[in-house]
N, C-alpha and C. Protein backbone atom coordinates (compact mmCIF):
# COMPACT_ATOMS: atom_id res chain seq x y z
N MET A 1 -104.62 58.81 80.72
CA MET A 1 -103.32 59.26 80.26
C MET A 1 -102.55 58.05 79.73
N ILE A 2 -101.61 58.30 78.87
CA ILE A 2 -100.84 57.23 78.23
C ILE A 2 -99.46 57.13 78.88
N ILE A 3 -99.09 55.91 79.26
CA ILE A 3 -97.74 55.61 79.72
C ILE A 3 -97.21 54.46 78.87
N LEU A 4 -95.93 54.23 78.94
CA LEU A 4 -95.30 53.14 78.21
C LEU A 4 -94.88 52.08 79.22
N VAL A 5 -95.40 50.85 79.07
CA VAL A 5 -95.08 49.76 79.98
C VAL A 5 -94.41 48.65 79.17
N ASN A 6 -93.15 48.40 79.47
CA ASN A 6 -92.36 47.40 78.75
C ASN A 6 -92.51 47.55 77.23
N GLY A 7 -92.45 48.81 76.78
CA GLY A 7 -92.46 49.09 75.35
C GLY A 7 -93.83 49.19 74.71
N GLU A 8 -94.90 49.03 75.49
CA GLU A 8 -96.26 49.10 74.94
C GLU A 8 -97.04 50.22 75.58
N ASN A 9 -97.76 50.99 74.76
CA ASN A 9 -98.61 52.05 75.29
C ASN A 9 -99.73 51.45 76.11
N ARG A 10 -100.02 52.10 77.23
CA ARG A 10 -101.11 51.66 78.10
C ARG A 10 -101.81 52.91 78.61
N ASP A 11 -103.14 52.88 78.57
CA ASP A 11 -103.95 53.99 79.06
C ASP A 11 -104.31 53.72 80.51
N VAL A 12 -103.93 54.64 81.42
CA VAL A 12 -104.26 54.51 82.83
C VAL A 12 -104.91 55.81 83.30
N GLU A 13 -105.66 55.72 84.38
CA GLU A 13 -106.30 56.91 84.93
C GLU A 13 -105.27 57.80 85.61
N SER A 14 -105.49 59.10 85.52
CA SER A 14 -104.65 60.05 86.21
C SER A 14 -104.67 59.75 87.70
N GLY A 15 -103.52 59.83 88.36
CA GLY A 15 -103.43 59.55 89.78
C GLY A 15 -103.15 58.10 90.11
N THR A 16 -102.99 57.26 89.09
CA THR A 16 -102.68 55.85 89.32
C THR A 16 -101.27 55.72 89.90
N SER A 17 -101.15 54.89 90.93
CA SER A 17 -99.85 54.61 91.52
C SER A 17 -99.24 53.39 90.83
N ILE A 18 -97.98 53.15 91.13
CA ILE A 18 -97.35 51.94 90.61
C ILE A 18 -98.10 50.71 91.12
N GLN A 19 -98.49 50.71 92.39
CA GLN A 19 -99.24 49.57 92.93
C GLN A 19 -100.55 49.40 92.18
N GLY A 20 -101.22 50.50 91.86
CA GLY A 20 -102.46 50.43 91.09
C GLY A 20 -102.24 49.83 89.72
N LEU A 21 -101.14 50.19 89.08
CA LEU A 21 -100.80 49.61 87.78
C LEU A 21 -100.57 48.11 87.92
N LEU A 22 -99.78 47.72 88.92
CA LEU A 22 -99.50 46.29 89.12
C LEU A 22 -100.79 45.52 89.40
N ASP A 23 -101.67 46.10 90.21
CA ASP A 23 -102.96 45.45 90.50
C ASP A 23 -103.78 45.28 89.23
N SER A 24 -103.80 46.31 88.37
CA SER A 24 -104.59 46.23 87.14
C SER A 24 -104.03 45.20 86.17
N LEU A 25 -102.73 44.92 86.28
CA LEU A 25 -102.09 43.92 85.43
C LEU A 25 -102.06 42.54 86.10
N ASP A 26 -102.61 42.46 87.32
CA ASP A 26 -102.64 41.22 88.10
C ASP A 26 -101.22 40.68 88.31
N LEU A 27 -100.31 41.59 88.71
CA LEU A 27 -98.92 41.22 88.95
C LEU A 27 -98.58 41.37 90.42
N ASP A 28 -97.73 40.49 90.91
CA ASP A 28 -97.27 40.50 92.29
C ASP A 28 -95.99 41.33 92.38
N GLY A 29 -96.07 42.48 93.01
CA GLY A 29 -94.93 43.38 93.11
C GLY A 29 -93.77 42.83 93.89
N SER A 30 -94.00 41.80 94.69
CA SER A 30 -92.90 41.25 95.50
C SER A 30 -91.91 40.45 94.67
N VAL A 31 -92.26 40.12 93.45
CA VAL A 31 -91.34 39.37 92.58
C VAL A 31 -90.93 40.17 91.35
N LEU A 32 -91.08 41.50 91.45
CA LEU A 32 -90.75 42.38 90.33
C LEU A 32 -89.75 43.45 90.74
N VAL A 33 -89.01 43.92 89.76
CA VAL A 33 -88.27 45.16 89.88
C VAL A 33 -89.00 46.14 88.98
N VAL A 34 -89.32 47.33 89.53
CA VAL A 34 -90.03 48.34 88.77
C VAL A 34 -89.09 49.53 88.54
N GLN A 35 -88.97 49.90 87.27
CA GLN A 35 -88.16 51.05 86.90
C GLN A 35 -89.08 52.09 86.29
N LYS A 36 -89.01 53.32 86.80
CA LYS A 36 -89.81 54.43 86.28
C LYS A 36 -88.84 55.48 85.76
N ASN A 37 -88.85 55.68 84.45
CA ASN A 37 -87.99 56.70 83.84
C ASN A 37 -86.54 56.62 84.34
N ASP A 38 -85.95 55.45 84.27
CA ASP A 38 -84.55 55.22 84.62
C ASP A 38 -84.28 55.13 86.12
N ASP A 39 -85.31 55.24 86.97
CA ASP A 39 -85.12 55.13 88.41
C ASP A 39 -85.77 53.84 88.91
N ILE A 40 -85.02 53.07 89.70
CA ILE A 40 -85.58 51.88 90.33
C ILE A 40 -86.44 52.35 91.51
N ILE A 41 -87.65 51.84 91.59
CA ILE A 41 -88.58 52.20 92.66
C ILE A 41 -88.56 51.12 93.73
N GLU A 42 -88.39 51.53 94.97
CA GLU A 42 -88.40 50.60 96.09
C GLU A 42 -89.80 50.01 96.26
N GLN A 43 -89.87 48.74 96.55
CA GLN A 43 -91.16 48.06 96.71
C GLN A 43 -92.04 48.75 97.75
N ALA A 44 -91.45 49.25 98.82
CA ALA A 44 -92.22 49.93 99.87
C ALA A 44 -92.89 51.20 99.38
N ASP A 45 -92.42 51.74 98.24
CA ASP A 45 -92.95 53.00 97.71
C ASP A 45 -93.97 52.82 96.59
N TYR A 46 -94.27 51.59 96.21
CA TYR A 46 -95.18 51.36 95.08
C TYR A 46 -96.52 52.06 95.24
N GLY A 47 -97.04 52.12 96.45
CA GLY A 47 -98.34 52.75 96.69
C GLY A 47 -98.31 54.26 96.68
N GLN A 48 -97.13 54.85 96.90
CA GLN A 48 -97.01 56.31 96.97
C GLN A 48 -96.55 56.95 95.67
N VAL A 49 -95.83 56.21 94.84
CA VAL A 49 -95.29 56.78 93.60
C VAL A 49 -96.37 56.77 92.52
N GLN A 50 -96.77 57.98 92.11
CA GLN A 50 -97.82 58.09 91.11
C GLN A 50 -97.22 58.18 89.72
N LEU A 51 -98.00 57.71 88.76
CA LEU A 51 -97.59 57.74 87.37
C LEU A 51 -98.00 59.06 86.73
N ASP A 52 -97.20 59.51 85.79
CA ASP A 52 -97.45 60.74 85.06
C ASP A 52 -97.52 60.44 83.56
N GLU A 53 -98.19 61.31 82.84
CA GLU A 53 -98.30 61.18 81.38
C GLU A 53 -96.91 60.95 80.79
N ASN A 54 -96.82 60.00 79.87
CA ASN A 54 -95.60 59.67 79.14
C ASN A 54 -94.51 59.00 79.96
N ASP A 55 -94.81 58.57 81.20
CA ASP A 55 -93.82 57.81 81.96
C ASP A 55 -93.45 56.55 81.21
N GLN A 56 -92.20 56.14 81.38
CA GLN A 56 -91.74 54.87 80.82
C GLN A 56 -91.49 53.93 81.98
N ILE A 57 -92.26 52.86 82.02
CA ILE A 57 -92.19 51.88 83.10
C ILE A 57 -91.65 50.57 82.55
N GLU A 58 -90.66 50.02 83.24
CA GLU A 58 -90.15 48.69 82.91
C GLU A 58 -90.42 47.79 84.10
N LEU A 59 -91.03 46.65 83.83
CA LEU A 59 -91.33 45.66 84.85
C LEU A 59 -90.49 44.43 84.55
N VAL A 60 -89.64 44.06 85.48
CA VAL A 60 -88.76 42.91 85.30
C VAL A 60 -89.08 41.90 86.38
N GLN A 61 -89.43 40.70 85.98
CA GLN A 61 -89.81 39.65 86.92
C GLN A 61 -88.64 38.72 87.17
N PHE A 62 -88.44 38.38 88.45
CA PHE A 62 -87.42 37.41 88.81
C PHE A 62 -87.84 36.03 88.34
N VAL A 63 -86.90 35.29 87.79
CA VAL A 63 -87.18 33.92 87.33
C VAL A 63 -86.12 33.02 87.93
N GLY A 64 -86.58 31.98 88.60
CA GLY A 64 -85.64 31.01 89.17
C GLY A 64 -85.30 29.95 88.14
N GLY A 65 -84.19 29.38 88.33
CA GLY A 65 -83.78 28.32 87.41
C GLY A 65 -82.66 27.52 88.03
N GLY A 66 -82.21 26.58 87.27
CA GLY A 66 -81.13 25.79 87.85
C GLY A 66 -80.48 24.89 86.93
């Protein structure tokens, strides 16, 4: 199925969770904010929230600076 991740189409298997998506992208969810269709997803829910066809996912990474 096709979802949109940070503005780019990505093909993922049906039943993929947010955690599964992050794993496939080799991203650490502890340093990200994940937004699914305008809703912020709690980090504790990444494994339970499944992706659906045409979902829009935004991944925002924290960056330190000084």
